[in-house]
Protein backbone atom coordinates (compact mmCIF):
# COMPACT_ATOMS: atom_id res chain seq x y z
CA VAL A 1 22.55 -10.32 25.28
CA GLY A 2 26.18 -9.47 25.85
CA PHE A 3 25.70 -6.17 23.91
CA ILE A 4 22.78 -5.23 26.13
CA ALA A 5 24.72 -5.84 29.37
CA GLU A 6 27.74 -3.94 28.08
CA PHE A 7 25.60 -1.01 26.82
CA PHE A 8 24.00 -0.48 30.22
CA ASP A 9 27.32 -0.87 31.95
CA GLN A 10 28.79 1.99 29.90
CA ASN A 11 25.50 3.98 29.61
CA PRO A 12 23.51 3.35 32.83
CA LEU A 13 21.18 6.31 32.47
CA SER A 14 20.14 5.36 28.91
CA GLN A 15 16.74 3.94 27.86
CA VAL A 16 16.43 1.12 25.32
CA GLY A 17 13.44 -0.34 23.49
CA LEU A 18 13.11 -3.24 21.15
CA LEU A 19 11.22 -3.33 17.77
CA VAL A 20 10.73 -6.46 15.64
CA THR A 21 9.84 -6.45 11.93
CA ARG A 22 8.55 -9.57 10.15
CA ASP A 23 5.87 -10.41 7.63
CA ALA A 24 6.11 -6.81 6.38
CA LYS A 25 4.87 -5.64 9.80
CA ALA A 26 6.57 -3.91 12.80
CA GLU A 27 5.85 -4.70 16.43
CA LEU A 28 7.00 -3.01 19.70
CA GLU A 29 8.45 -5.87 21.66
CA VAL A 30 9.81 -3.88 24.65
CA PRO A 31 8.95 -0.23 25.35
CA TRP A 32 11.61 2.19 26.68
CA THR A 33 13.21 0.67 29.70
CA THR A 34 16.31 1.00 31.94
CA THR A 35 16.15 -2.67 32.89
CA PRO A 36 18.55 -4.98 31.00
CA ALA A 37 16.75 -8.05 32.23
CA ALA A 38 13.57 -7.21 30.25
CA LEU A 39 15.55 -6.73 27.04
CA GLU A 40 17.70 -9.84 27.56
CA GLU A 41 14.63 -12.02 28.13
CA ALA A 42 12.91 -10.70 25.04
CA ALA A 43 16.12 -11.14 22.94
CA GLU A 44 16.50 -14.73 24.10
CA LYS A 45 12.85 -15.46 23.04
CA LEU A 46 13.41 -13.93 19.65
CA TYR A 47 16.63 -15.90 19.24
CA LEU A 48 14.67 -19.17 19.71
CA HIS A 49 12.00 -18.28 17.12
CA ALA A 50 12.90 -18.09 13.47
CA GLY A 51 11.87 -15.02 11.49
CA SER A 52 9.19 -15.13 8.80
CA GLY A 53 8.32 -13.09 5.71
CA SER A 54 10.07 -9.87 4.67
CA PRO A 55 11.06 -6.85 6.91
CA SER A 56 9.53 -3.46 6.42
CA LEU A 57 11.87 -0.48 7.07
CA GLU A 58 8.99 1.93 6.54
CA ASN A 59 6.81 0.37 9.19
CA VAL A 60 9.76 0.17 11.63
CA LEU A 61 10.47 3.90 11.15
CA ARG A 62 6.76 4.84 11.35
CA LEU A 63 6.53 2.99 14.61
CA GLY A 64 9.91 3.78 16.11
CA VAL A 65 10.52 7.45 15.23
CA PRO A 66 7.42 8.78 17.18
CA LEU A 67 8.76 7.05 20.29
CA PHE A 68 11.61 9.66 20.34
CA GLU A 69 9.26 12.68 20.58
CA ASP A 70 9.43 12.74 24.26
CA ILE A 71 13.17 12.32 24.44
CA PRO A 72 14.84 15.63 25.51
CA PRO A 73 17.06 17.45 22.97
CA TYR A 74 20.22 16.95 24.95
CA ALA A 75 19.93 13.21 24.62
CA SER A 76 21.22 11.10 21.68
CA ARG A 77 18.41 9.56 19.60
CA GLU A 78 19.58 6.40 17.88
CA MET A 79 18.05 3.37 16.10
CA LEU A 80 20.28 0.34 15.63
CA VAL A 81 18.81 -2.11 13.08
CA LEU A 82 20.01 -5.67 12.69
CA LEU A 83 19.04 -6.63 9.13
CA ASN A 84 19.03 -10.15 7.77
CA SER A 85 17.30 -9.66 4.46
CA LEU A 86 18.01 -8.51 0.88
CA GLN A 87 14.77 -6.60 0.50
CA THR A 88 12.24 -4.47 2.32
CA CYS A 89 8.52 -4.65 1.86
CA ASP A 90 7.08 -1.17 2.33
CA PRO A 91 3.45 -0.09 1.89
CA GLY A 92 4.25 3.59 1.03
CA ASN A 93 6.96 6.03 0.31
CA LEU A 94 10.12 5.06 2.29
CA MET A 95 11.94 8.32 1.16
CA GLY A 96 9.37 10.42 3.00
CA VAL A 97 9.79 8.44 6.17
CA ILE A 98 13.57 8.87 5.88
CA GLU A 99 13.13 12.70 5.92
CA MET A 100 10.76 12.27 8.86
CA ALA A 101 13.48 10.52 10.84
CA ALA A 102 16.07 13.21 9.87
CA SER A 103 13.67 15.99 10.89
CA VAL A 104 13.51 14.70 14.50
CA ARG A 105 17.25 13.89 14.49
CA VAL A 106 17.07 10.14 14.84
CA ARG A 107 20.27 8.43 13.73
CA CYS A 108 19.59 5.10 11.98
CA SER A 109 22.50 2.67 11.89
CA PHE A 110 22.54 -0.79 10.35
CA VAL A 111 24.45 -4.03 10.85
CA SER A 112 23.52 -6.38 8.04
CA PHE A 113 24.13 -10.07 7.47
CA GLY A 114 23.65 -9.90 3.69
CA ALA A 115 24.71 -7.81 0.77
CA GLU A 116 24.58 -4.01 0.97
CA LEU A 117 21.32 -2.42 -0.08
CA SER A 118 21.25 1.02 -1.76
CA VAL A 119 18.09 2.29 0.05
CA VAL A 120 19.56 1.28 3.46
CA ARG A 121 22.76 3.11 2.62
CA ARG A 122 20.78 6.20 1.80
CA LEU A 123 18.80 5.96 5.01
CA ALA A 124 22.02 5.66 7.06
CA THR A 125 23.70 8.49 5.22
CA ARG A 126 20.78 10.93 5.56
CA THR A 127 20.37 10.31 9.27
CA HIS A 128 24.23 10.40 9.93
CA GLY A 129 24.20 6.72 10.97
CA SER A 130 26.45 3.95 9.87
CA TYR A 131 26.00 0.83 7.67
CA ALA A 132 28.24 -2.21 7.72
CA VAL A 133 27.98 -5.83 6.57
CA ALA A 134 29.20 -8.49 8.97
CA LEU A 135 31.73 -10.96 7.44
CA ASN A 136 31.65 -13.48 10.29
CA GLU A 137 30.61 -13.86 13.85
CA ALA A 138 33.68 -12.10 15.27
CA HIS A 139 33.24 -9.20 12.84
CA TYR A 140 29.51 -8.96 13.74
CA ARG A 141 30.34 -8.61 17.41
CA ASN A 142 32.91 -5.93 16.71
CA LEU A 143 30.45 -3.95 14.58
CA LEU A 144 27.79 -4.26 17.19
CA PHE A 145 29.93 -3.16 20.10
CA THR A 146 31.07 -0.01 18.23
CA HIS A 147 27.59 1.40 18.95
CA ILE A 148 28.02 1.36 22.71
CA SER A 149 29.74 4.74 22.97
CA PRO A 150 27.43 7.68 22.19
CA PRO A 151 28.14 9.53 18.88
CA PRO A 152 29.19 13.18 18.74
CA ALA A 153 26.55 15.88 18.63
CA LEU A 154 25.76 17.49 15.24
CA SER A 155 24.89 21.01 14.35
CA GLU A 156 21.66 22.17 12.87
CA GLN A 157 23.38 22.75 9.47
CA ALA A 158 24.62 19.12 9.43
CA TRP A 159 21.09 17.81 9.90
CA ALA A 160 19.65 20.13 7.22
CA ASN A 161 22.45 19.32 4.64
CA PRO A 162 24.39 16.21 5.45
CA ASP A 163 26.52 16.39 2.37
CA SER A 164 28.23 19.67 2.92
CA ALA A 165 27.63 21.00 6.41
CA PRO A 166 30.38 20.70 9.04
CA LEU A 167 30.08 18.69 12.20
CA TRP A 168 30.28 21.84 14.35
CA ASP A 169 29.48 25.46 13.55
CA GLU A 170 32.47 27.47 12.42
CA GLY A 171 31.53 30.60 14.28
CA SER A 172 34.32 30.57 16.78
CA LYS A 173 37.76 29.03 17.31
CA HIS A 174 39.96 28.40 20.24
CA GLU A 175 43.45 29.78 20.28
CA ASN A 176 44.92 26.41 19.47
CA GLY A 177 42.76 26.24 16.32
CA VAL A 178 40.27 23.57 17.56
CA SER A 179 36.68 24.31 16.54
CA SER A 180 34.08 24.90 19.24
CA PRO A 181 30.32 25.46 19.10
CA SER A 182 29.49 29.05 18.32
CA SER A 183 26.69 31.28 19.68
CA SER A 184 24.38 30.38 16.81
CA SER A 185 21.01 28.75 17.05
CA ALA A 186 22.61 25.32 16.86
CA ALA A 187 24.91 26.11 19.73
CA ARG A 188 21.98 27.46 21.78
CA GLU A 189 20.21 24.16 21.22
CA ARG A 190 23.16 22.34 22.76
CA ALA A 191 23.18 24.66 25.77
CA ALA A 192 23.17 22.95 29.09
CA GLU A 193 19.88 22.16 30.73
CA LEU A 194 19.05 21.33 34.33
CA ILE A 195 17.90 17.75 34.73
CA PRO A 196 15.88 16.86 37.81
CA MET A 197 17.56 13.83 39.46
CA GLY A 198 17.47 12.12 42.82
CA PHE A 199 20.20 10.20 44.62
CA PRO A 200 18.23 7.86 46.97
CA ALA A 201 19.57 6.34 50.14
CA PRO A 202 19.56 2.57 50.76
CA LEU A 203 16.63 1.23 52.79
CA THR A 204 16.57 -1.70 55.14
CA GLY A 205 13.72 -3.77 56.47
CA MET A 206 10.71 -5.24 54.69
CA GLY A 207 8.70 -3.02 52.36
CA LEU A 208 6.50 -2.92 49.23
CA CYS A 209 8.30 -2.10 45.99
CA ALA A 210 6.61 0.68 44.06
CA CYS A 211 7.96 -0.44 40.67
CA HIS A 212 6.36 -3.87 41.05
CA LEU A 213 2.95 -2.99 42.43
CA ASN A 214 1.22 -5.44 40.06
CA GLU A 215 3.19 -8.25 41.59
CA THR A 216 2.85 -6.92 45.13
CA ARG A 217 6.57 -7.64 45.60
CA VAL A 218 7.85 -7.26 49.14
CA THR A 219 11.57 -6.85 49.47
CA ASP A 220 14.02 -6.55 52.34
CA HIS A 221 16.24 -4.11 50.46
CA GLY A 222 15.71 -1.08 48.17
CA PHE A 223 16.19 2.65 47.72
CA GLY A 224 13.93 5.52 48.91
CA CYS A 225 12.97 8.25 46.51
CA PRO A 226 14.15 11.56 48.07
CA GLN A 227 11.10 13.46 46.60
CA CYS A 228 8.16 11.22 47.55
CA GLY A 229 9.69 8.51 49.67
CA ALA A 230 8.55 5.61 47.50
CA ARG A 231 10.72 2.42 47.57
CA VAL A 232 12.36 1.18 44.35
CA CYS A 233 14.32 -2.02 44.06
CA ARG A 234 17.05 -1.02 41.49
CA LEU A 235 19.08 1.86 40.30
CA PRO A 236 19.07 3.61 37.89
CA SER A 237 15.35 3.87 37.36
CA SER A 238 12.44 6.30 37.34
CA CYS A 239 10.26 6.60 40.45
CA ALA A 240 6.93 4.84 39.73
CA VAL A 241 5.08 7.43 41.89
CA CYS A 242 6.53 10.84 41.04
CA GLY A 243 8.53 10.00 37.91
CA LEU A 244 11.89 11.44 39.20
CA LEU A 245 14.97 10.03 37.69
CA LEU A 246 16.83 8.01 40.33
CA ALA A 247 20.49 7.23 40.05
CA SER A 248 23.67 6.70 42.06
CA ALA A 249 26.84 8.75 41.86
CA VAL A 250 28.55 5.92 40.12
CA ASP A 251 25.92 5.80 37.39
CA LEU A 252 26.27 9.55 36.81
CA ALA A 253 30.08 9.27 36.55
CA SER A 254 29.80 6.36 34.12
CA THR A 255 27.65 8.45 31.83
CA TYR A 256 29.72 11.64 32.26
CA HIS A 257 33.04 10.08 31.26
CA HIS A 258 32.00 9.85 27.56
CA LEU A 259 32.43 13.67 27.43
CA PHE A 260 36.10 13.58 28.14
CA ARG A 261 38.57 11.60 26.13
CA LEU A 262 41.93 10.55 27.46
CA ALA A 263 44.71 13.00 26.93
CA ALA A 264 47.27 12.07 24.28
CA PHE A 265 50.17 10.02 25.57
CA THR A 266 53.57 11.73 25.51
CA PRO A 267 56.49 9.69 24.12
CA VAL A 268 59.23 9.28 26.70
CA ALA A 269 62.78 8.42 25.52
CA GLU A 270 64.64 5.68 27.41
CA GLN A 271 67.69 6.43 29.44
CA ASP A 272 71.03 4.65 29.22
CA GLY A 273 70.52 1.01 30.13
CA GLY A 274 66.90 0.88 28.77
CA VAL A 275 65.39 2.32 31.97
CA PRO A 276 62.51 4.82 31.47
CA PRO A 277 63.09 8.27 33.14
CA THR A 278 59.80 8.11 34.99
CA ALA A 279 58.04 5.40 36.83
CA CYS A 280 54.60 4.05 35.82
CA PHE A 281 51.91 5.12 38.24
CA GLY A 282 49.91 1.96 37.33
CA CYS A 283 52.49 -0.76 38.21
């Protein structure tokens, strides 16, 4: 539950779904959503119910990978699997499903509570994911929270040949020697795209919430969609009427900051008497 809250705090424009595998089957517990409450409620219910049978990685991939088909190419496609088993019960060829996941660029990462499995390691390596075994509760939390920040984008060559291809295309270099995306097909795939997005204004007064029409929820607060005027009760979300992505400037800034890392700190020598030559702008 803490991971879900922190993930949406750092990635407010992301969508998350929840899959469960047990008894050699896979079930879609929560479809794509931008609401942390729905995921937290489902996670708490799963925590209170013990698992049964063996998991099936093949069924999870066959159910989960097609869900990414509608995700735009500029977005990161990731599957994070929490595994508590030393086996996987698959009805068919798992290796073929691994190639299917790699073909649509879905990263599969694993956090396991048992010993490392060779087939899981192969799946994580082929899809450029990560695989780690938790040693204790604190280590498990650290491993889980490392997946909050989005991973770097990969080139077409890296997805085609993960063993030898570089992370970025080597077609161009900056003057300082840092690699940058070239004008190849992979670079064109990473070209910027315009994303329709609305920044709604707050509404006052009683009104019917469009995202809870089944519950006929009447609220005294909300936000008005700038495209169709429908009322929504939370941000970020998608308008239930016209489908426009609605967000605030704060949400956009929180997502954008992952693209820029902090500049390297410059060592400053102390003056005589142990006083630094410049003052800290923080304190």
